[in-house]
Amino acid sequence: MSPDPAPTGSTQEISAAIAQITERAQTLIRDEIDLAKLEVTGKAKTLGIGAAVAAAAGGFLFFSTMLLLEGLAWLAWYELFPDSEFFWGFFLVAGILLVVAALAGFFAYRALQTKPTPDMAIAEAQLIRETIAPHDPLVMPASVPIPVDVSVPPAAPVPPVPPPPDLSPPTDSTSPS
């Protein structure tokens, strides 16, 4: 591609340069959009494959946990209740799981009770306000309370509304009733 000759400043050359700039900008934007589409498509495929593998891993984990718990129940029966019925081992494992579930539920409840407040952001905003306030007369320092007027000004008297005109059809008083 050869370099463009230097423009001489005529109206036609300026309009041609503007058209060329517009065309190149449009091409650049289209290429950027295509690149973004390709990038998002590739990432979506990777996320889909990752989600499928995670689901398979979750299934294997679930079934292996079931087998482990059953094995623990049989082991508990064998070691703790060898002369009685085998179901006591399953009851023991179920009871332990219920205690663990109750503890997990309690900790989850406590964790959900805390209100997430942006303490660091608030402190940073106050620091910025205090830093800018001595230099900017439009910003009040944090130590100065912001006056809040909660009083409602009295309303102006409302003039009375005139009654609507009578739109009923006129009655003929000469006709016999």
Protein backbone atom coordinates (compact mmCIF):
# COMPACT_ATOMS: atom_id res chain seq x y z
CA MET A 1 0.00 0.00 0.00
CA SER A 2 1.53 3.29 -1.05
CA PRO A 3 1.41 6.30 1.23
CA ASP A 4 -1.31 8.79 0.46
CA PRO A 5 -0.15 12.05 -1.13
CA ALA A 6 -0.21 15.08 1.11
CA PRO A 7 -3.55 16.86 0.92
CA THR A 8 -3.59 20.27 -0.65
CA GLY A 9 -6.63 21.44 1.26
CA SER A 10 -9.33 21.34 -1.39
CA THR A 11 -12.89 20.54 -0.36
CA GLN A 12 -12.90 17.31 -2.35
CA GLU A 13 -9.71 16.08 -0.74
CA ILE A 14 -10.98 16.94 2.75
CA SER A 15 -14.28 15.15 2.15
CA ALA A 16 -12.39 12.15 0.72
CA ALA A 17 -10.15 12.09 3.82
CA ILE A 18 -13.19 12.25 6.12
CA ALA A 19 -14.84 9.42 4.18
CA GLN A 20 -11.67 7.36 4.42
CA ILE A 21 -11.39 7.99 8.18
CA THR A 22 -15.05 7.05 8.65
CA GLU A 23 -14.58 3.85 6.63
CA ARG A 24 -11.48 2.87 8.61
CA ALA A 25 -13.21 3.59 11.93
CA GLN A 26 -16.18 1.44 10.92
CA THR A 27 -13.84 -1.37 9.87
CA LEU A 28 -11.96 -1.11 13.14
CA ILE A 29 -15.19 -1.23 15.16
CA ARG A 30 -16.48 -4.23 13.18
CA ASP A 31 -13.18 -6.05 13.73
CA GLU A 32 -13.30 -5.30 17.45
CA ILE A 33 -16.86 -6.62 17.66
CA ASP A 34 -15.88 -9.80 15.78
CA LEU A 35 -12.91 -10.28 18.08
CA ALA A 36 -15.14 -9.83 21.15
CA LYS A 37 -17.63 -12.38 19.73
CA LEU A 38 -14.86 -14.92 19.16
CA GLU A 39 -13.45 -14.35 22.61
CA VAL A 40 -16.82 -14.68 24.34
CA THR A 41 -17.69 -17.79 22.30
CA GLY A 42 -14.41 -19.46 23.26
CA LYS A 43 -14.86 -18.60 26.92
CA ALA A 44 -18.47 -19.81 26.88
CA LYS A 45 -17.38 -23.16 25.42
CA THR A 46 -14.69 -23.49 28.06
CA LEU A 47 -17.20 -22.64 30.82
CA GLY A 48 -19.69 -25.17 29.42
CA ILE A 49 -17.09 -27.94 29.37
CA GLY A 50 -15.98 -26.97 32.87
CA ALA A 51 -19.58 -27.03 34.14
CA ALA A 52 -20.16 -30.50 32.62
CA VAL A 53 -16.97 -31.87 34.19
CA ALA A 54 -17.89 -30.28 37.54
CA ALA A 55 -21.35 -31.89 37.38
CA ALA A 56 -19.79 -35.28 36.69
CA ALA A 57 -17.35 -34.79 39.57
CA GLY A 58 -20.26 -33.82 41.82
CA GLY A 59 -22.13 -36.98 40.87
CA PHE A 60 -19.12 -39.18 41.58
CA LEU A 61 -18.59 -37.36 44.89
CA PHE A 62 -22.24 -37.86 45.88
CA PHE A 63 -22.25 -41.58 45.17
CA SER A 64 -18.86 -42.15 46.78
CA THR A 65 -20.08 -40.31 49.88
CA MET A 66 -23.12 -42.57 50.01
CA LEU A 67 -20.90 -45.66 49.81
CA LEU A 68 -18.57 -44.25 52.46
CA LEU A 69 -21.48 -43.57 54.81
CA GLU A 70 -22.87 -47.04 54.28
CA GLY A 71 -19.46 -48.52 54.98
CA LEU A 72 -19.21 -46.44 58.16
CA ALA A 73 -22.64 -47.70 59.23
CA TRP A 74 -21.60 -51.34 58.73
CA LEU A 75 -18.30 -50.68 60.53
CA ALA A 76 -20.11 -49.06 63.45
CA TRP A 77 -22.42 -52.07 63.73
CA TYR A 78 -19.51 -54.51 63.50
CA GLU A 79 -17.39 -52.69 66.12
CA LEU A 80 -20.02 -51.31 68.53
CA PHE A 81 -23.03 -53.62 68.25
CA PRO A 82 -21.76 -57.03 67.07
CA ASP A 83 -24.40 -59.06 68.89
CA SER A 84 -27.45 -56.94 68.03
CA GLU A 85 -29.24 -55.93 64.87
CA PHE A 86 -27.23 -54.24 62.14
CA PHE A 87 -29.56 -51.22 61.82
CA TRP A 88 -28.05 -49.63 64.95
CA GLY A 89 -24.93 -48.78 62.97
CA PHE A 90 -27.03 -46.93 60.40
CA PHE A 91 -28.88 -45.06 63.16
CA LEU A 92 -25.58 -44.05 64.72
CA VAL A 93 -24.20 -42.67 61.42
CA ALA A 94 -27.50 -40.88 60.70
CA GLY A 95 -27.41 -39.30 64.17
CA ILE A 96 -23.85 -38.07 63.64
CA LEU A 97 -24.87 -36.62 60.27
CA LEU A 98 -27.83 -34.84 61.90
CA VAL A 99 -25.53 -33.27 64.51
CA VAL A 100 -23.11 -32.12 61.78
CA ALA A 101 -26.04 -30.72 59.76
CA ALA A 102 -27.37 -28.85 62.81
CA LEU A 103 -23.93 -27.34 63.49
CA ALA A 104 -23.53 -26.33 59.85
CA GLY A 105 -27.01 -24.78 59.85
CA PHE A 106 -26.21 -22.83 63.02
CA PHE A 107 -22.97 -21.46 61.57
CA ALA A 108 -24.72 -20.60 58.30
CA TYR A 109 -27.47 -18.77 60.23
CA ARG A 110 -24.86 -16.76 62.15
CA ALA A 111 -22.99 -15.92 58.96
CA LEU A 112 -26.18 -14.75 57.25
CA GLN A 113 -27.11 -12.47 60.15
CA THR A 114 -24.21 -10.09 59.51
CA LYS A 115 -25.13 -7.16 57.32
CA PRO A 116 -22.54 -6.51 54.61
CA THR A 117 -21.65 -2.83 54.90
CA PRO A 118 -18.92 -1.19 52.86
CA ASP A 119 -16.97 0.02 55.90
CA MET A 120 -13.71 0.47 54.02
CA ALA A 121 -15.39 2.41 51.20
CA ILE A 122 -17.17 4.68 53.68
CA ALA A 123 -13.93 5.34 55.56
CA GLU A 124 -12.13 6.07 52.29
CA ALA A 125 -14.89 8.46 51.19
CA GLN A 126 -14.69 10.31 54.52
CA LEU A 127 -10.91 10.52 54.20
CA ILE A 128 -11.22 11.93 50.69
CA ARG A 129 -13.83 14.41 51.90
CA GLU A 130 -11.59 15.57 54.73
CA THR A 131 -8.60 15.81 52.39
CA ILE A 132 -10.44 17.87 49.76
CA ALA A 133 -12.53 20.02 52.12
CA PRO A 134 -9.80 22.50 53.21
CA HIS A 135 -8.93 23.19 49.56
CA ASP A 136 -12.39 23.28 48.01
CA PRO A 137 -14.92 25.80 49.36
CA LEU A 138 -17.80 23.83 47.81
CA VAL A 139 -17.10 20.72 49.92
CA MET A 140 -17.89 20.82 53.62
CA PRO A 141 -15.53 18.99 55.96
CA ALA A 142 -16.86 15.81 57.55
CA SER A 143 -16.81 17.44 60.99
CA VAL A 144 -19.42 19.99 59.89
CA PRO A 145 -22.89 18.48 60.12
CA ILE A 146 -24.98 18.80 57.01
CA PRO A 147 -28.12 20.81 57.84
CA VAL A 148 -31.26 18.94 57.02
CA ASP A 149 -34.48 20.94 56.94
CA VAL A 150 -37.40 18.61 57.49
CA SER A 151 -39.99 21.35 57.93
CA VAL A 152 -42.58 21.64 55.19
CA PRO A 153 -43.26 25.15 53.92
CA PRO A 154 -46.88 26.25 54.15
CA ALA A 155 -48.87 25.61 51.04
CA ALA A 156 -50.27 28.50 49.05
CA PRO A 157 -54.05 28.83 49.25
CA VAL A 158 -55.80 27.06 46.41
CA PRO A 159 -58.52 29.09 44.66
CA PRO A 160 -61.94 27.45 44.58
CA VAL A 161 -62.79 25.49 41.46
CA PRO A 162 -65.83 26.83 39.57
CA PRO A 163 -68.68 24.34 39.11
CA PRO A 164 -68.81 22.58 35.74
CA PRO A 165 -71.31 23.95 33.18
CA ASP A 166 -74.68 22.25 32.91
CA LEU A 167 -74.49 19.94 29.88
CA SER A 168 -77.91 18.34 30.21
CA PRO A 169 -80.25 18.73 27.19
CA PRO A 170 -82.74 21.61 27.50
CA THR A 171 -86.27 20.67 28.41
CA ASP A 172 -89.16 21.98 26.36
CA SER A 173 -91.61 23.69 28.70
CA THR A 174 -94.30 24.18 26.02
CA SER A 175 -94.97 20.51 25.37
CA PRO A 176 -97.67 18.79 27.45
CA SER A 177 -96.37 16.35 30.00
